[in-house]
């Protein structure tokens, strides 16, 4: 959602093309709406952030699923279950965290990282609704078992 709304996002054009050609029914969590608001507020200011968050929550862009206590417990179970899962790192990340480079091929360097709370909410939502795909450019979701759209 951030890529779609923010023209400065590296994935903006790809997200726009996908949104124009896709007729998928989107589902998300209130956590993702909140994270989207915060990221956009920091990148583009309050007005755009509020407009996008309001549009997601109030219009037919996506069905927003609210998180209750049971859902929250499932999120933490996913986070705990995936804690320490190796994630592939790109050279750009290795440059930012040189201590992670083991001297091998940079494409094969891995770190152990936990899934974010927001991303874990999408994993739980996907499992609950039996949806195996996420519209995202975040490889953490792929590691967690979701196929990413747009692919390629």
C-alpha atoms as a PDB file:
ATOM      1  CA  UNK A   1       0.000   0.000   0.000  1.00  0.00           C
ATOM      2  CA  UNK A   2       2.899   2.329   0.697  1.00  0.00           C
ATOM      3  CA  UNK A   3       4.391   1.612  -2.731  1.00  0.00           C
ATOM      4  CA  UNK A   4       1.088   2.371  -4.388  1.00  0.00           C
ATOM      5  CA  UNK A   5       0.580   5.667  -2.542  1.00  0.00           C
ATOM      6  CA  UNK A   6       4.126   7.052  -2.479  1.00  0.00           C
ATOM      7  CA  UNK A   7       5.498   8.205  -5.825  1.00  0.00           C
ATOM      8  CA  UNK A   8       8.996   8.176  -4.337  1.00  0.00           C
ATOM      9  CA  UNK A   9       8.812   4.505  -3.377  1.00  0.00           C
ATOM     10  CA  UNK A  10      11.112   2.256  -5.426  1.00  0.00           C
ATOM     11  CA  UNK A  11       8.201  -0.087  -6.194  1.00  0.00           C
ATOM     12  CA  UNK A  12       5.630   2.626  -7.019  1.00  0.00           C
ATOM     13  CA  UNK A  13       5.344   2.068 -10.777  1.00  0.00           C
ATOM     14  CA  UNK A  14       5.186  -1.690 -10.423  1.00  0.00           C
ATOM     15  CA  UNK A  15       2.513  -1.390  -7.746  1.00  0.00           C
ATOM     16  CA  UNK A  16       0.470   0.996  -9.929  1.00  0.00           C
ATOM     17  CA  UNK A  17       0.646  -1.328 -12.937  1.00  0.00           C
ATOM     18  CA  UNK A  18      -0.445  -4.243 -10.803  1.00  0.00           C
ATOM     19  CA  UNK A  19      -3.308  -2.310  -9.200  1.00  0.00           C
ATOM     20  CA  UNK A  20      -4.588  -1.213 -12.622  1.00  0.00           C
ATOM     21  CA  UNK A  21      -4.568  -4.721 -14.068  1.00  0.00           C
ATOM     22  CA  UNK A  22      -5.625  -6.734 -11.031  1.00  0.00           C
ATOM     23  CA  UNK A  23      -9.209  -7.365 -10.043  1.00  0.00           C
ATOM     24  CA  UNK A  24      -8.329  -9.199  -6.840  1.00  0.00           C
ATOM     25  CA  UNK A  25     -10.285  -8.594  -3.658  1.00  0.00           C
ATOM     26  CA  UNK A  26      -7.768  -7.349  -1.111  1.00  0.00           C
ATOM     27  CA  UNK A  27      -7.740  -8.234   2.583  1.00  0.00           C
ATOM     28  CA  UNK A  28      -5.529  -6.599   5.186  1.00  0.00           C
ATOM     29  CA  UNK A  29      -5.339  -6.048   8.922  1.00  0.00           C
ATOM     30  CA  UNK A  30      -5.863  -2.929  10.987  1.00  0.00           C
ATOM     31  CA  UNK A  31      -2.197  -3.280  11.918  1.00  0.00           C
ATOM     32  CA  UNK A  32      -1.160  -2.867   8.279  1.00  0.00           C
ATOM     33  CA  UNK A  33      -3.408   0.191   7.927  1.00  0.00           C
ATOM     34  CA  UNK A  34      -1.693   1.698  10.981  1.00  0.00           C
ATOM     35  CA  UNK A  35       1.778   0.838   9.698  1.00  0.00           C
ATOM     36  CA  UNK A  36       0.912   2.292   6.287  1.00  0.00           C
ATOM     37  CA  UNK A  37      -0.261   5.514   7.919  1.00  0.00           C
ATOM     38  CA  UNK A  38       2.935   5.800   9.974  1.00  0.00           C
ATOM     39  CA  UNK A  39       5.289   5.088   7.077  1.00  0.00           C
ATOM     40  CA  UNK A  40       3.500   7.517   4.762  1.00  0.00           C
ATOM     41  CA  UNK A  41       3.313  10.205   7.454  1.00  0.00           C
ATOM     42  CA  UNK A  42       7.063   9.976   7.900  1.00  0.00           C
ATOM     43  CA  UNK A  43       7.748   9.974   4.137  1.00  0.00           C
ATOM     44  CA  UNK A  44       5.069  12.241   2.690  1.00  0.00           C
ATOM     45  CA  UNK A  45       3.325  14.030   5.547  1.00  0.00           C
ATOM     46  CA  UNK A  46       0.072  13.831   7.430  1.00  0.00           C
ATOM     47  CA  UNK A  47      -2.335  14.774   4.622  1.00  0.00           C
ATOM     48  CA  UNK A  48      -1.392  11.945   2.254  1.00  0.00           C
ATOM     49  CA  UNK A  49      -0.996   9.443   5.088  1.00  0.00           C
ATOM     50  CA  UNK A  50      -4.448  10.195   6.482  1.00  0.00           C
ATOM     51  CA  UNK A  51      -6.044  10.168   3.029  1.00  0.00           C
ATOM     52  CA  UNK A  52      -4.590   6.742   2.218  1.00  0.00           C
ATOM     53  CA  UNK A  53      -5.384   5.222   5.628  1.00  0.00           C
ATOM     54  CA  UNK A  54      -8.919   6.571   5.453  1.00  0.00           C
ATOM     55  CA  UNK A  55      -9.318   5.283   1.902  1.00  0.00           C
ATOM     56  CA  UNK A  56      -8.185   1.808   2.884  1.00  0.00           C
ATOM     57  CA  UNK A  57     -10.399   1.631   5.937  1.00  0.00           C
ATOM     58  CA  UNK A  58     -13.523   3.365   4.622  1.00  0.00           C
ATOM     59  CA  UNK A  59     -13.681   2.513   0.938  1.00  0.00           C
ATOM     60  CA  UNK A  60     -13.763  -0.721  -1.014  1.00  0.00           C
ATOM     61  CA  UNK A  61      -9.998  -0.926  -1.656  1.00  0.00           C
ATOM     62  CA  UNK A  62      -9.565  -3.714   0.859  1.00  0.00           C
ATOM     63  CA  UNK A  63     -11.474  -5.480   3.581  1.00  0.00           C
ATOM     64  CA  UNK A  64      -9.777  -4.497   6.839  1.00  0.00           C
ATOM     65  CA  UNK A  65      -9.804  -7.216   9.489  1.00  0.00           C
ATOM     66  CA  UNK A  66      -9.616  -5.994  13.071  1.00  0.00           C
ATOM     67  CA  UNK A  67      -7.217  -7.691  15.457  1.00  0.00           C
ATOM     68  CA  UNK A  68      -8.635  -9.131  18.651  1.00  0.00           C
ATOM     69  CA  UNK A  69      -6.900 -10.925  21.535  1.00  0.00           C
ATOM     70  CA  UNK A  70      -7.075 -14.358  19.878  1.00  0.00           C
ATOM     71  CA  UNK A  71      -5.663 -12.990  16.616  1.00  0.00           C
ATOM     72  CA  UNK A  72      -2.900 -11.253  18.597  1.00  0.00           C
ATOM     73  CA  UNK A  73      -1.923 -14.571  20.217  1.00  0.00           C
ATOM     74  CA  UNK A  74      -1.722 -16.156  16.767  1.00  0.00           C
ATOM     75  CA  UNK A  75       0.510 -13.305  15.555  1.00  0.00           C
ATOM     76  CA  UNK A  76       2.930 -13.930  18.413  1.00  0.00           C
ATOM     77  CA  UNK A  77       2.883 -17.671  17.710  1.00  0.00           C
ATOM     78  CA  UNK A  78       3.886 -16.967  14.097  1.00  0.00           C
ATOM     79  CA  UNK A  79       6.645 -14.591  15.220  1.00  0.00           C
ATOM     80  CA  UNK A  80       7.954 -17.134  17.721  1.00  0.00           C
ATOM     81  CA  UNK A  81       7.720 -19.938  15.160  1.00  0.00           C
ATOM     82  CA  UNK A  82       9.731 -18.013  12.574  1.00  0.00           C
ATOM     83  CA  UNK A  83      12.248 -16.405  14.928  1.00  0.00           C
ATOM     84  CA  UNK A  84      15.737 -16.984  13.634  1.00  0.00           C
ATOM     85  CA  UNK A  85      14.667 -18.158  10.181  1.00  0.00           C
ATOM     86  CA  UNK A  86      17.516 -17.337   7.794  1.00  0.00           C
ATOM     87  CA  UNK A  87      16.684 -14.633   5.297  1.00  0.00           C
ATOM     88  CA  UNK A  88      18.730 -14.056   2.147  1.00  0.00           C
ATOM     89  CA  UNK A  89      20.371 -10.652   2.020  1.00  0.00           C
ATOM     90  CA  UNK A  90      21.058  -8.494  -0.966  1.00  0.00           C
ATOM     91  CA  UNK A  91      24.430  -6.689  -1.363  1.00  0.00           C
ATOM     92  CA  UNK A  92      22.794  -3.331  -0.513  1.00  0.00           C
ATOM     93  CA  UNK A  93      21.842  -4.659   2.931  1.00  0.00           C
ATOM     94  CA  UNK A  94      25.269  -6.216   3.384  1.00  0.00           C
ATOM     95  CA  UNK A  95      26.849  -2.827   2.714  1.00  0.00           C
ATOM     96  CA  UNK A  96      24.690  -1.327   5.459  1.00  0.00           C
ATOM     97  CA  UNK A  97      25.529  -4.158   7.902  1.00  0.00           C
ATOM     98  CA  UNK A  98      29.074  -5.279   7.048  1.00  0.00           C
ATOM     99  CA  UNK A  99      29.286  -7.472  10.159  1.00  0.00           C
ATOM    100  CA  UNK A 100      26.856  -9.836   8.441  1.00  0.00           C
ATOM    101  CA  UNK A 101      29.210 -10.532   5.541  1.00  0.00           C
ATOM    102  CA  UNK A 102      30.949 -13.835   6.151  1.00  0.00           C
ATOM    103  CA  UNK A 103      33.282 -13.403   3.189  1.00  0.00           C
ATOM    104  CA  UNK A 104      31.269 -15.682   0.947  1.00  0.00           C
ATOM    105  CA  UNK A 105      29.246 -14.692  -2.079  1.00  0.00           C
ATOM    106  CA  UNK A 106      27.155 -11.648  -1.055  1.00  0.00           C
ATOM    107  CA  UNK A 107      24.062 -13.141  -2.654  1.00  0.00           C
ATOM    108  CA  UNK A 108      24.285 -16.099  -0.268  1.00  0.00           C
ATOM    109  CA  UNK A 109      24.926 -14.183   2.949  1.00  0.00           C
ATOM    110  CA  UNK A 110      22.163 -14.694   5.468  1.00  0.00           C
ATOM    111  CA  UNK A 111      21.142 -13.250   8.791  1.00  0.00           C
ATOM    112  CA  UNK A 112      18.663 -14.484  11.316  1.00  0.00           C
ATOM    113  CA  UNK A 113      15.804 -12.100  11.782  1.00  0.00           C
ATOM    114  CA  UNK A 114      12.329 -12.101  13.257  1.00  0.00           C
ATOM    115  CA  UNK A 115       9.232 -11.396  11.230  1.00  0.00           C
ATOM    116  CA  UNK A 116       7.697  -8.006  12.056  1.00  0.00           C
ATOM    117  CA  UNK A 117       4.437  -7.888  13.979  1.00  0.00           C
ATOM    118  CA  UNK A 118       2.714  -6.288  10.976  1.00  0.00           C
ATOM    119  CA  UNK A 119       3.990  -8.931   8.549  1.00  0.00           C
ATOM    120  CA  UNK A 120       3.013 -11.696  10.974  1.00  0.00           C
ATOM    121  CA  UNK A 121      -0.519 -10.264  11.042  1.00  0.00           C
ATOM    122  CA  UNK A 122      -0.710 -10.879   7.283  1.00  0.00           C
ATOM    123  CA  UNK A 123       0.562 -14.440   7.696  1.00  0.00           C
ATOM    124  CA  UNK A 124      -2.161 -15.125  10.285  1.00  0.00           C
ATOM    125  CA  UNK A 125      -4.788 -13.482   8.082  1.00  0.00           C
ATOM    126  CA  UNK A 126      -3.683 -15.573   5.109  1.00  0.00           C
ATOM    127  CA  UNK A 127      -3.889 -18.761   7.153  1.00  0.00           C
ATOM    128  CA  UNK A 128      -7.276 -17.811   8.608  1.00  0.00           C
ATOM    129  CA  UNK A 129      -8.806 -16.993   5.220  1.00  0.00           C
ATOM    130  CA  UNK A 130      -6.845 -19.714   3.408  1.00  0.00           C
ATOM    131  CA  UNK A 131      -5.179 -17.156   1.167  1.00  0.00           C
ATOM    132  CA  UNK A 132      -1.695 -18.164   0.103  1.00  0.00           C
ATOM    133  CA  UNK A 133      -0.704 -14.917  -1.633  1.00  0.00           C
ATOM    134  CA  UNK A 134       0.168 -11.420  -0.494  1.00  0.00           C
ATOM    135  CA  UNK A 135       0.387  -8.249  -2.549  1.00  0.00           C
ATOM    136  CA  UNK A 136       3.770  -7.148  -1.322  1.00  0.00           C
ATOM    137  CA  UNK A 137       7.388  -6.556  -2.257  1.00  0.00           C
ATOM    138  CA  UNK A 138       8.522  -7.836   1.161  1.00  0.00           C
ATOM    139  CA  UNK A 139      10.516 -11.065   0.930  1.00  0.00           C
ATOM    140  CA  UNK A 140       9.907 -11.752   4.631  1.00  0.00           C
ATOM    141  CA  UNK A 141       6.381 -12.769   3.669  1.00  0.00           C
ATOM    142  CA  UNK A 142       7.764 -15.212   1.113  1.00  0.00           C
ATOM    143  CA  UNK A 143       9.980 -16.754   3.806  1.00  0.00           C
ATOM    144  CA  UNK A 144       6.851 -17.077   5.947  1.00  0.00           C
ATOM    145  CA  UNK A 145       5.181 -19.118   3.214  1.00  0.00           C
ATOM    146  CA  UNK A 146       3.130 -16.633   1.190  1.00  0.00           C
ATOM    147  CA  UNK A 147       3.509 -16.240  -2.567  1.00  0.00           C
ATOM    148  CA  UNK A 148       4.083 -12.593  -3.482  1.00  0.00           C
ATOM    149  CA  UNK A 149       2.136 -10.604  -6.040  1.00  0.00           C
ATOM    150  CA  UNK A 150       3.053  -9.071  -8.335  1.00  0.00           C
ATOM    151  CA  UNK A 151       5.576 -11.783  -9.088  1.00  0.00           C
ATOM    152  CA  UNK A 152       8.704 -11.349 -11.132  1.00  0.00           C
END
